[in-house]
Amino acid sequence: MAVTVKEIDGATLDQMIKAGKVLAIFHSTTCGPCKMLRFVLKDVAREVEGLEIVEIDFDQNKESIEQYGVEGYPTILLFKDGSEHARLKGLQQKPVILKLIREN
């Protein structure tokens, strides 16, 4: 069964991190690379299981931005077992994201 990409807020992210493996993408609605990354994420979601893929709006979740040390967008964070395991900055291609998920 394919994974879906969900838009959430920072408080929900905190809860999800405790519950399992999460790929979180910090984005802005005005960011061109962020919009392109959405298409990549939909493709990634078709190929992975056992992972939550979520988007967090950079502009509406300033506390989470500070909490996780996100300096720009798009930023991809992979959480596992309650902590950050990997980070990518900028627009990434599907093979890079899949490798990140599979190696962690």
PDB file of N, CA and C in Angstrom:
ATOM      1  N   MET A   1       0.841  -1.187   0.000  1.00  0.00           N
ATOM      2  CA  MET A   1       0.000   0.000   0.000  1.00  0.00           C
ATOM      3  C   MET A   1       0.884   1.248   0.000  1.00  0.00           C
ATOM      4  N   ALA A   2       0.591   2.176  -0.868  1.00  0.00           N
ATOM      5  CA  ALA A   2       1.395   3.389  -1.009  1.00  0.00           C
ATOM      6  C   ALA A   2       1.170   4.330   0.165  1.00  0.00           C
ATOM      7  N   VAL A   3       2.167   5.112   0.432  1.00  0.00           N
ATOM      8  CA  VAL A   3       2.131   6.126   1.481  1.00  0.00           C
ATOM      9  C   VAL A   3       1.554   7.401   0.875  1.00  0.00           C
ATOM     10  N   THR A   4       0.881   8.204   1.683  1.00  0.00           N
ATOM     11  CA  THR A   4       0.395   9.498   1.213  1.00  0.00           C
ATOM     12  C   THR A   4       1.218  10.607   1.864  1.00  0.00           C
ATOM     13  N   VAL A   5       1.250  11.747   1.217  1.00  0.00           N
ATOM     14  CA  VAL A   5       1.960  12.915   1.735  1.00  0.00           C
ATOM     15  C   VAL A   5       0.921  13.810   2.391  1.00  0.00           C
ATOM     16  N   LYS A   6       1.136  14.134   3.672  1.00  0.00           N
ATOM     17  CA  LYS A   6       0.162  14.919   4.432  1.00  0.00           C
ATOM     18  C   LYS A   6       0.774  16.242   4.881  1.00  0.00           C
ATOM     19  N   GLU A   7      -0.031  17.289   4.881  1.00  0.00           N
ATOM     20  CA  GLU A   7       0.370  18.585   5.434  1.00  0.00           C
ATOM     21  C   GLU A   7      -0.015  18.583   6.911  1.00  0.00           C
ATOM     22  N   ILE A   8       0.959  18.868   7.789  1.00  0.00           N
ATOM     23  CA  ILE A   8       0.705  18.871   9.229  1.00  0.00           C
ATOM     24  C   ILE A   8       1.335  20.104   9.862  1.00  0.00           C
ATOM     25  N   ASP A   9       1.090  20.274  11.163  1.00  0.00           N
ATOM     26  CA  ASP A   9       1.730  21.363  11.891  1.00  0.00           C
ATOM     27  C   ASP A   9       2.836  20.796  12.782  1.00  0.00           C
ATOM     28  N   GLY A  10       3.575  21.684  13.420  1.00  0.00           N
ATOM     29  CA  GLY A  10       4.719  21.284  14.230  1.00  0.00           C
ATOM     30  C   GLY A  10       4.358  20.392  15.403  1.00  0.00           C
ATOM     31  N   ALA A  11       3.227  20.654  16.054  1.00  0.00           N
ATOM     32  CA  ALA A  11       2.819  19.839  17.204  1.00  0.00           C
ATOM     33  C   ALA A  11       2.521  18.409  16.772  1.00  0.00           C
ATOM     34  N   THR A  12       1.890  18.266  15.623  1.00  0.00           N
ATOM     35  CA  THR A  12       1.595  16.928  15.098  1.00  0.00           C
ATOM     36  C   THR A  12       2.892  16.213  14.741  1.00  0.00           C
ATOM     37  N   LEU A  13       3.856  16.936  14.185  1.00  0.00           N
ATOM     38  CA  LEU A  13       5.147  16.337  13.864  1.00  0.00           C
ATOM     39  C   LEU A  13       5.797  15.766  15.115  1.00  0.00           C
ATOM     40  N   ASP A  14       5.783  16.513  16.202  1.00  0.00           N
ATOM     41  CA  ASP A  14       6.383  16.045  17.452  1.00  0.00           C
ATOM     42  C   ASP A  14       5.772  14.718  17.892  1.00  0.00           C
ATOM     43  N   GLN A  15       4.458  14.595  17.765  1.00  0.00           N
ATOM     44  CA  GLN A  15       3.765  13.352  18.135  1.00  0.00           C
ATOM     45  C   GLN A  15       4.137  12.211  17.192  1.00  0.00           C
ATOM     46  N   MET A  16       4.206  12.498  15.901  1.00  0.00           N
ATOM     47  CA  MET A  16       4.490  11.456  14.909  1.00  0.00           C
ATOM     48  C   MET A  16       5.909  10.913  15.051  1.00  0.00           C
ATOM     49  N   ILE A  17       6.853  11.782  15.393  1.00  0.00           N
ATOM     50  CA  ILE A  17       8.248  11.366  15.545  1.00  0.00           C
ATOM     51  C   ILE A  17       8.366  10.308  16.635  1.00  0.00           C
ATOM     52  N   LYS A  18       7.607  10.477  17.695  1.00  0.00           N
ATOM     53  CA  LYS A  18       7.637   9.520  18.801  1.00  0.00           C
ATOM     54  C   LYS A  18       7.041   8.172  18.399  1.00  0.00           C
ATOM     55  N   ALA A  19       6.139   8.179  17.417  1.00  0.00           N
ATOM     56  CA  ALA A  19       5.395   6.974  17.054  1.00  0.00           C
ATOM     57  C   ALA A  19       6.052   6.126  15.970  1.00  0.00           C
ATOM     58  N   GLY A  20       6.993   6.673  15.192  1.00  0.00           N
ATOM     59  CA  GLY A  20       7.560   5.874  14.116  1.00  0.00           C
ATOM     60  C   GLY A  20       8.510   6.631  13.219  1.00  0.00           C
ATOM     61  N   LYS A  21       8.731   6.075  12.042  1.00  0.00           N
ATOM     62  CA  LYS A  21       9.655   6.637  11.060  1.00  0.00           C
ATOM     63  C   LYS A  21       8.923   7.697  10.241  1.00  0.00           C
ATOM     64  N   VAL A  22       9.504   8.915  10.188  1.00  0.00           N
ATOM     65  CA  VAL A  22       8.849  10.050   9.536  1.00  0.00           C
ATOM     66  C   VAL A  22       9.840  10.773   8.632  1.00  0.00           C
ATOM     67  N   LEU A  23       9.410  11.068   7.408  1.00  0.00           N
ATOM     68  CA  LEU A  23      10.159  11.925   6.499  1.00  0.00           C
ATOM     69  C   LEU A  23       9.418  13.258   6.482  1.00  0.00           C
ATOM     70  N   ALA A  24      10.035  14.297   7.046  1.00  0.00           N
ATOM     71  CA  ALA A  24       9.396  15.599   7.173  1.00  0.00           C
ATOM     72  C   ALA A  24      10.049  16.584   6.216  1.00  0.00           C
ATOM     73  N   ILE A  25       9.225  17.282   5.447  1.00  0.00           N
ATOM     74  CA  ILE A  25       9.707  18.262   4.488  1.00  0.00           C
ATOM     75  C   ILE A  25       9.216  19.635   4.931  1.00  0.00           C
ATOM     76  N   PHE A  26      10.161  20.515   5.258  1.00  0.00           N
ATOM     77  CA  PHE A  26       9.831  21.885   5.602  1.00  0.00           C
ATOM     78  C   PHE A  26       9.831  22.687   4.303  1.00  0.00           C
ATOM     79  N   HIS A  27       8.736  23.367   4.015  1.00  0.00           N
ATOM     80  CA  HIS A  27       8.572  24.050   2.736  1.00  0.00           C
ATOM     81  C   HIS A  27       7.886  25.395   2.919  1.00  0.00           C
ATOM     82  N   SER A  28       7.837  26.156   1.842  1.00  0.00           N
ATOM     83  CA  SER A  28       7.084  27.406   1.797  1.00  0.00           C
ATOM     84  C   SER A  28       6.196  27.375   0.565  1.00  0.00           C
ATOM     85  N   THR A  29       5.013  27.923   0.679  1.00  0.00           N
ATOM     86  CA  THR A  29       4.078  27.914  -0.451  1.00  0.00           C
ATOM     87  C   THR A  29       4.555  28.806  -1.595  1.00  0.00           C
ATOM     88  N   THR A  30       5.486  29.721  -1.338  1.00  0.00           N
ATOM     89  CA  THR A  30       5.983  30.615  -2.378  1.00  0.00           C
ATOM     90  C   THR A  30       7.302  30.142  -2.989  1.00  0.00           C
ATOM     91  N   CYS A  31       7.785  28.992  -2.588  1.00  0.00           N
ATOM     92  CA  CYS A  31       9.092  28.477  -3.010  1.00  0.00           C
ATOM     93  C   CYS A  31       8.951  27.569  -4.228  1.00  0.00           C
ATOM     94  N   GLY A  32       9.582  27.948  -5.339  1.00  0.00           N
ATOM     95  CA  GLY A  32       9.535  27.143  -6.562  1.00  0.00           C
ATOM     96  C   GLY A  32      10.100  25.737  -6.384  1.00  0.00           C
ATOM     97  N   PRO A  33      11.317  25.584  -5.827  1.00  0.00           N
ATOM     98  CA  PRO A  33      11.860  24.250  -5.609  1.00  0.00           C
ATOM     99  C   PRO A  33      10.982  23.389  -4.687  1.00  0.00           C
ATOM    100  N   CYS A  34      10.307  24.020  -3.734  1.00  0.00           N
ATOM    101  CA  CYS A  34       9.412  23.280  -2.834  1.00  0.00           C
ATOM    102  C   CYS A  34       8.243  22.690  -3.614  1.00  0.00           C
ATOM    103  N   LYS A  35       7.724  23.468  -4.546  1.00  0.00           N
ATOM    104  CA  LYS A  35       6.610  22.989  -5.373  1.00  0.00           C
ATOM    105  C   LYS A  35       7.052  21.817  -6.241  1.00  0.00           C
ATOM    106  N   MET A  36       8.256  21.887  -6.790  1.00  0.00           N
ATOM    107  CA  MET A  36       8.776  20.780  -7.599  1.00  0.00           C
ATOM    108  C   MET A  36       9.011  19.543  -6.738  1.00  0.00           C
ATOM    109  N   LEU A  37       9.440  19.754  -5.502  1.00  0.00           N
ATOM    110  CA  LEU A  37       9.697  18.639  -4.593  1.00  0.00           C
ATOM    111  C   LEU A  37       8.424  17.860  -4.296  1.00  0.00           C
ATOM    112  N   ARG A  38       7.289  18.521  -4.305  1.00  0.00           N
ATOM    113  CA  ARG A  38       6.009  17.829  -4.074  1.00  0.00           C
ATOM    114  C   ARG A  38       5.792  16.709  -5.084  1.00  0.00           C
ATOM    115  N   PHE A  39       6.118  16.953  -6.342  1.00  0.00           N
ATOM    116  CA  PHE A  39       5.961  15.918  -7.367  1.00  0.00           C
ATOM    117  C   PHE A  39       6.899  14.746  -7.110  1.00  0.00           C
ATOM    118  N   VAL A  40       8.113  15.058  -6.691  1.00  0.00           N
ATOM    119  CA  VAL A  40       9.097  14.022  -6.360  1.00  0.00           C
ATOM    120  C   VAL A  40       8.584  13.185  -5.189  1.00  0.00           C
ATOM    121  N   LEU A  41       8.041  13.842  -4.186  1.00  0.00           N
ATOM    122  CA  LEU A  41       7.553  13.133  -2.999  1.00  0.00           C
ATOM    123  C   LEU A  41       6.401  12.195  -3.324  1.00  0.00           C
ATOM    124  N   LYS A  42       5.542  12.600  -4.238  1.00  0.00           N
ATOM    125  CA  LYS A  42       4.440  11.717  -4.639  1.00  0.00           C
ATOM    126  C   LYS A  42       4.989  10.434  -5.272  1.00  0.00           C
ATOM    127  N   ASP A  43       6.039  10.559  -6.054  1.00  0.00           N
ATOM    128  CA  ASP A  43       6.678   9.377  -6.638  1.00  0.00           C
ATOM    129  C   ASP A  43       7.347   8.530  -5.559  1.00  0.00           C
ATOM    130  N   VAL A  44       8.022   9.173  -4.633  1.00  0.00           N
ATOM    131  CA  VAL A  44       8.680   8.465  -3.530  1.00  0.00           C
ATOM    132  C   VAL A  44       7.629   7.705  -2.721  1.00  0.00           C
ATOM    133  N   ALA A  45       6.510   8.347  -2.446  1.00  0.00           N
ATOM    134  CA  ALA A  45       5.451   7.737  -1.627  1.00  0.00           C
ATOM    135  C   ALA A  45       4.922   6.446  -2.240  1.00  0.00           C
ATOM    136  N   ARG A  46       4.961   6.332  -3.548  1.00  0.00           N
ATOM    137  CA  ARG A  46       4.486   5.110  -4.221  1.00  0.00           C
ATOM    138  C   ARG A  46       5.412   3.921  -3.991  1.00  0.00           C
ATOM    139  N   GLU A  47       6.658   4.198  -3.587  1.00  0.00           N
ATOM    140  CA  GLU A  47       7.658   3.136  -3.488  1.00  0.00           C
ATOM    141  C   GLU A  47       8.069   2.766  -2.070  1.00  0.00           C
ATOM    142  N   VAL A  48       7.514   3.424  -1.080  1.00  0.00           N
ATOM    143  CA  VAL A  48       7.925   3.139   0.295  1.00  0.00           C
ATOM    144  C   VAL A  48       6.739   2.705   1.147  1.00  0.00           C
ATOM    145  N   GLU A  49       7.052   1.932   2.177  1.00  0.00           N
ATOM    146  CA  GLU A  49       6.053   1.519   3.164  1.00  0.00           C
ATOM    147  C   GLU A  49       6.645   1.684   4.547  1.00  0.00           C
ATOM    148  N   GLY A  50       5.791   1.755   5.547  1.00  0.00           N
ATOM    149  CA  GLY A  50       6.264   1.856   6.912  1.00  0.00           C
ATOM    150  C   GLY A  50       6.883   3.196   7.246  1.00  0.00           C
ATOM    151  N   LEU A  51       6.459   4.224   6.540  1.00  0.00           N
ATOM    152  CA  LEU A  51       7.027   5.558   6.693  1.00  0.00           C
ATOM    153  C   LEU A  51       5.928   6.586   6.508  1.00  0.00           C
ATOM    154  N   GLU A  52       5.927   7.587   7.355  1.00  0.00           N
ATOM    155  CA  GLU A  52       5.016   8.718   7.185  1.00  0.00           C
ATOM    156  C   GLU A  52       5.777   9.811   6.446  1.00  0.00           C
ATOM    157  N   ILE A  53       5.178  10.381   5.406  1.00  0.00           N
ATOM    158  CA  ILE A  53       5.769  11.517   4.701  1.00  0.00           C
ATOM    159  C   ILE A  53       4.869  12.716   4.963  1.00  0.00           C
ATOM    160  N   VAL A  54       5.463  13.763   5.543  1.00  0.00           N
ATOM    161  CA  VAL A  54       4.672  14.934   5.923  1.00  0.00           C
ATOM    162  C   VAL A  54       5.346  16.218   5.467  1.00  0.00           C
ATOM    163  N   GLU A  55       4.520  17.235   5.269  1.00  0.00           N
ATOM    164  CA  GLU A  55       5.003  18.566   4.903  1.00  0.00           C
ATOM    165  C   GLU A  55       4.637  19.532   6.022  1.00  0.00           C
ATOM    166  N   ILE A  56       5.579  20.401   6.349  1.00  0.00           N
ATOM    167  CA  ILE A  56       5.364  21.413   7.372  1.00  0.00           C
ATOM    168  C   ILE A  56       5.646  22.774   6.743  1.00  0.00           C
ATOM    169  N   ASP A  57       4.667  23.667   6.807  1.00  0.00           N
ATOM    170  CA  ASP A  57       4.821  25.006   6.231  1.00  0.00           C
ATOM    171  C   ASP A  57       5.807  25.811   7.074  1.00  0.00           C
ATOM    172  N   PHE A  58       6.881  26.215   6.443  1.00  0.00           N
ATOM    173  CA  PHE A  58       7.968  26.961   7.081  1.00  0.00           C
ATOM    174  C   PHE A  58       7.454  28.236   7.739  1.00  0.00           C
ATOM    175  N   ASP A  59       6.571  28.940   7.043  1.00  0.00           N
ATOM    176  CA  ASP A  59       6.099  30.243   7.502  1.00  0.00           C
ATOM    177  C   ASP A  59       5.103  30.163   8.654  1.00  0.00           C
ATOM    178  N   GLN A  60       4.409  29.046   8.801  1.00  0.00           N
ATOM    179  CA  GLN A  60       3.385  28.921   9.832  1.00  0.00           C
ATOM    180  C   GLN A  60       3.835  28.119  11.048  1.00  0.00           C
ATOM    181  N   ASN A  61       5.070  27.626  11.048  1.00  0.00           N
ATOM    182  CA  ASN A  61       5.545  26.776  12.137  1.00  0.00           C
ATOM    183  C   ASN A  61       6.933  27.211  12.611  1.00  0.00           C
ATOM    184  N   LYS A  62       7.048  28.472  12.972  1.00  0.00           N
ATOM    185  CA  LYS A  62       8.352  29.037  13.367  1.00  0.00           C
ATOM    186  C   LYS A  62       8.981  28.313  14.554  1.00  0.00           C
ATOM    187  N   GLU A  63       8.170  27.864  15.512  1.00  0.00           N
ATOM    188  CA  GLU A  63       8.718  27.151  16.667  1.00  0.00           C
ATOM    189  C   GLU A  63       9.399  25.852  16.234  1.00  0.00           C
ATOM    190  N   SER A  64       8.791  25.132  15.314  1.00  0.00           N
ATOM    191  CA  SER A  64       9.378  23.880  14.820  1.00  0.00           C
ATOM    192  C   SER A  64      10.642  24.158  14.022  1.00  0.00           C
ATOM    193  N   ILE A  65      10.660  25.245  13.294  1.00  0.00           N
ATOM    194  CA  ILE A  65      11.840  25.626  12.519  1.00  0.00           C
ATOM    195  C   ILE A  65      13.031  25.795  13.459  1.00  0.00           C
ATOM    196  N   GLU A  66      12.804  26.511  14.543  1.00  0.00           N
ATOM    197  CA  GLU A  66      13.863  26.714  15.537  1.00  0.00           C
ATOM    198  C   GLU A  66      14.210  25.412  16.254  1.00  0.00           C
ATOM    199  N   GLN A  67      13.205  24.647  16.644  1.00  0.00           N
ATOM    200  CA  GLN A  67      13.407  23.408  17.383  1.00  0.00           C
ATOM    201  C   GLN A  67      14.287  22.424  16.615  1.00  0.00           C
ATOM    202  N   TYR A  68      14.082  22.329  15.302  1.00  0.00           N
ATOM    203  CA  TYR A  68      14.814  21.358  14.496  1.00  0.00           C
ATOM    204  C   TYR A  68      15.978  21.973  13.717  1.00  0.00           C
ATOM    205  N   GLY A  69      16.244  23.245  13.942  1.00  0.00           N
ATOM    206  CA  GLY A  69      17.391  23.884  13.311  1.00  0.00           C
ATOM    207  C   GLY A  69      17.300  23.977  11.804  1.00  0.00           C
ATOM    208  N   VAL A  70      16.102  24.194  11.300  1.00  0.00           N
ATOM    209  CA  VAL A  70      15.893  24.322   9.858  1.00  0.00           C
ATOM    210  C   VAL A  70      16.258  25.741   9.455  1.00  0.00           C
ATOM    211  N   GLU A  71      17.195  25.863   8.516  1.00  0.00           N
ATOM    212  CA  GLU A  71      17.699  27.187   8.134  1.00  0.00           C
ATOM    213  C   GLU A  71      17.146  27.697   6.812  1.00  0.00           C
ATOM    214  N   GLY A  72      16.560  26.834   6.020  1.00  0.00           N
ATOM    215  CA  GLY A  72      16.020  27.245   4.737  1.00  0.00           C
ATOM    216  C   GLY A  72      15.062  26.194   4.217  1.00  0.00           C
ATOM    217  N   TYR A  73      14.520  26.460   3.053  1.00  0.00           N
ATOM    218  CA  TYR A  73      13.582  25.502   2.482  1.00  0.00           C
ATOM    219  C   TYR A  73      13.857  25.286   1.004  1.00  0.00           C
ATOM    220  N   PRO A  74      13.540  24.114   0.513  1.00  0.00           N
ATOM    221  CA  PRO A  74      13.042  22.959   1.254  1.00  0.00           C
ATOM    222  C   PRO A  74      14.154  22.264   2.046  1.00  0.00           C
ATOM    223  N   THR A  75      13.789  21.743   3.197  1.00  0.00           N
ATOM    224  CA  THR A  75      14.684  20.928   4.010  1.00  0.00           C
ATOM    225  C   THR A  75      13.956  19.638   4.335  1.00  0.00           C
ATOM    226  N   ILE A  76      14.641  18.526   4.150  1.00  0.00           N
ATOM    227  CA  ILE A  76      14.071  17.201   4.400  1.00  0.00           C
ATOM    228  C   ILE A  76      14.766  16.604   5.623  1.00  0.00           C
ATOM    229  N   LEU A  77      13.976  16.193   6.601  1.00  0.00           N
ATOM    230  CA  LEU A  77      14.507  15.544   7.798  1.00  0.00           C
ATOM    231  C   LEU A  77      13.916  14.145   7.905  1.00  0.00           C
ATOM    232  N   LEU A  78      14.757  13.174   8.177  1.00  0.00           N
ATOM    233  CA  LEU A  78      14.290  11.808   8.396  1.00  0.00           C
ATOM    234  C   LEU A  78      14.426  11.500   9.876  1.00  0.00           C
ATOM    235  N   PHE A  79      13.301  11.171  10.498  1.00  0.00           N
ATOM    236  CA  PHE A  79      13.273  10.822  11.910  1.00  0.00           C
ATOM    237  C   PHE A  79      13.007   9.330  12.068  1.00  0.00           C
ATOM    238  N   LYS A  80      13.695   8.731  13.020  1.00  0.00           N
ATOM    239  CA  LYS A  80      13.505   7.313  13.312  1.00  0.00           C
ATOM    240  C   LYS A  80      13.804   7.116  14.793  1.00  0.00           C
ATOM    241  N   ASP A  81      12.982   6.310  15.448  1.00  0.00           N
ATOM    242  CA  ASP A  81      13.173   6.019  16.870  1.00  0.00           C
ATOM    243  C   ASP A  81      13.238   7.286  17.711  1.00  0.00           C
ATOM    244  N   GLY A  82      12.449   8.294  17.333  1.00  0.00           N
ATOM    245  CA  GLY A  82      12.339   9.501  18.128  1.00  0.00           C
ATOM    246  C   GLY A  82      13.399  10.561  17.914  1.00  0.00           C
ATOM    247  N   SER A  83      14.341  10.326  16.986  1.00  0.00           N
ATOM    248  CA  SER A  83      15.387  11.338  16.765  1.00  0.00           C
ATOM    249  C   SER A  83      15.709  11.478  15.274  1.00  0.00           C
ATOM    250  N   GLU A  84      16.368  12.577  14.952  1.00  0.00           N
ATOM    251  CA  GLU A  84      16.749  12.834  13.562  1.00  0.00           C
ATOM    252  C   GLU A  84      17.888  11.899  13.160  1.00  0.00           C
ATOM    253  N   HIS A  85      17.719  11.256  11.996  1.00  0.00           N
ATOM    254  CA  HIS A  85      18.749  10.346  11.482  1.00  0.00           C
ATOM    255  C   HIS A  85      19.452  10.886  10.244  1.00  0.00           C
ATOM    256  N   ALA A  86      18.790  11.775   9.497  1.00  0.00           N
ATOM    257  CA  ALA A  86      19.401  12.300   8.278  1.00  0.00           C
ATOM    258  C   ALA A  86      18.720  13.607   7.894  1.00  0.00           C
ATOM    259  N   ARG A  87      19.454  14.389   7.068  1.00  0.00           N
ATOM    260  CA  ARG A  87      18.957  15.699   6.633  1.00  0.00           C
ATOM    261  C   ARG A  87      19.457  15.979   5.226  1.00  0.00           C
ATOM    262  N   LEU A  88      18.573  16.526   4.402  1.00  0.00           N
ATOM    263  CA  LEU A  88      18.923  16.995   3.063  1.00  0.00           C
ATOM    264  C   LEU A  88      18.400  18.415   2.914  1.00  0.00           C
ATOM    265  N   LYS A  89      19.165  19.258   2.239  1.00  0.00           N
ATOM    266  CA  LYS A  89      18.734  20.634   1.991  1.00  0.00           C
ATOM    267  C   LYS A  89      18.569  20.851   0.500  1.00  0.00           C
ATOM    268  N   GLY A  90      17.557  21.619   0.138  1.00  0.00           N
ATOM    269  CA  GLY A  90      17.327  21.955  -1.258  1.00  0.00           C
ATOM    270  C   GLY A  90      16.524  20.909  -1.999  1.00  0.00           C
ATOM    271  N   LEU A  91      16.261  21.195  -3.253  1.00  0.00           N
ATOM    272  CA  LEU A  91      15.516  20.280  -4.105  1.00  0.00           C
ATOM    273  C   LEU A  91      16.337  19.020  -4.336  1.00  0.00           C
ATOM    274  N   GLN A  92      15.729  17.868  -4.103  1.00  0.00           N
ATOM    275  CA  GLN A  92      16.408  16.586  -4.263  1.00  0.00           C
ATOM    276  C   GLN A  92      15.639  15.729  -5.257  1.00  0.00           C
ATOM    277  N   GLN A  93      16.354  14.844  -5.905  1.00  0.00           N
ATOM    278  CA  GLN A  93      15.727  13.941  -6.856  1.00  0.00           C
ATOM    279  C   GLN A  93      15.305  12.654  -6.160  1.00  0.00           C
ATOM    280  N   LYS A  94      14.382  11.950  -6.767  1.00  0.00           N
ATOM    281  CA  LYS A  94      13.811  10.727  -6.213  1.00  0.00           C
ATOM    282  C   LYS A  94      14.870   9.712  -5.777  1.00  0.00           C
ATOM    283  N   PRO A  95      15.887   9.391  -6.590  1.00  0.00           N
ATOM    284  CA  PRO A  95      16.873   8.386  -6.157  1.00  0.00           C
ATOM    285  C   PRO A  95      17.615   8.781  -4.872  1.00  0.00           C
ATOM    286  N   VAL A  96      17.879  10.058  -4.707  1.00  0.00           N
ATOM    287  CA  VAL A  96      18.581  10.528  -3.508  1.00  0.00           C
ATOM    288  C   VAL A  96      17.706  10.339  -2.268  1.00  0.00           C
ATOM    289  N   ILE A  97      16.433  10.681  -2.390  1.00  0.00           N
ATOM    290  CA  ILE A  97      15.515  10.555  -1.259  1.00  0.00           C
ATOM    291  C   ILE A  97      15.282   9.085  -0.925  1.00  0.00           C
ATOM    292  N   LEU A  98      15.099   8.257  -1.939  1.00  0.00           N
ATOM    293  CA  LEU A  98      14.906   6.822  -1.688  1.00  0.00           C
ATOM    294  C   LEU A  98      16.133   6.207  -1.017  1.00  0.00           C
ATOM    295  N   LYS A  99      17.309   6.601  -1.432  1.00  0.00           N
ATOM    296  CA  LYS A  99      18.542   6.101  -0.814  1.00  0.00           C
ATOM    297  C   LYS A  99      18.597   6.518   0.653  1.00  0.00           C
ATOM    298  N   LEU A 100      18.269   7.758   0.939  1.00  0.00           N
ATOM    299  CA  LEU A 100      18.246   8.262   2.307  1.00  0.00           C
ATOM    300  C   LEU A 100      17.310   7.406   3.169  1.00  0.00           C
ATOM    301  N   ILE A 101      16.118   7.132   2.666  1.00  0.00           N
ATOM    302  CA  ILE A 101      15.124   6.360   3.415  1.00  0.00           C
ATOM    303  C   ILE A 101      15.615   4.927   3.621  1.00  0.00           C
ATOM    304  N   ARG A 102      16.109   4.316   2.596  1.00  0.00           N
ATOM    305  CA  ARG A 102      16.501   2.899   2.665  1.00  0.00           C
ATOM    306  C   ARG A 102      17.755   2.667   3.501  1.00  0.00           C
ATOM    307  N   GLU A 103      18.648   3.628   3.552  1.00  0.00           N
ATOM    308  CA  GLU A 103      19.887   3.469   4.319  1.00  0.00           C
ATOM    309  C   GLU A 103      19.715   3.837   5.784  1.00  0.00           C
ATOM    310  N   ASN A 104      18.598   4.400   6.130  1.00  0.00           N
ATOM    311  CA  ASN A 104      18.368   4.788   7.525  1.00  0.00           C
ATOM    312  C   ASN A 104      17.146   4.074   8.035  1.00  0.00           C
TER     313      ASN A 104
END
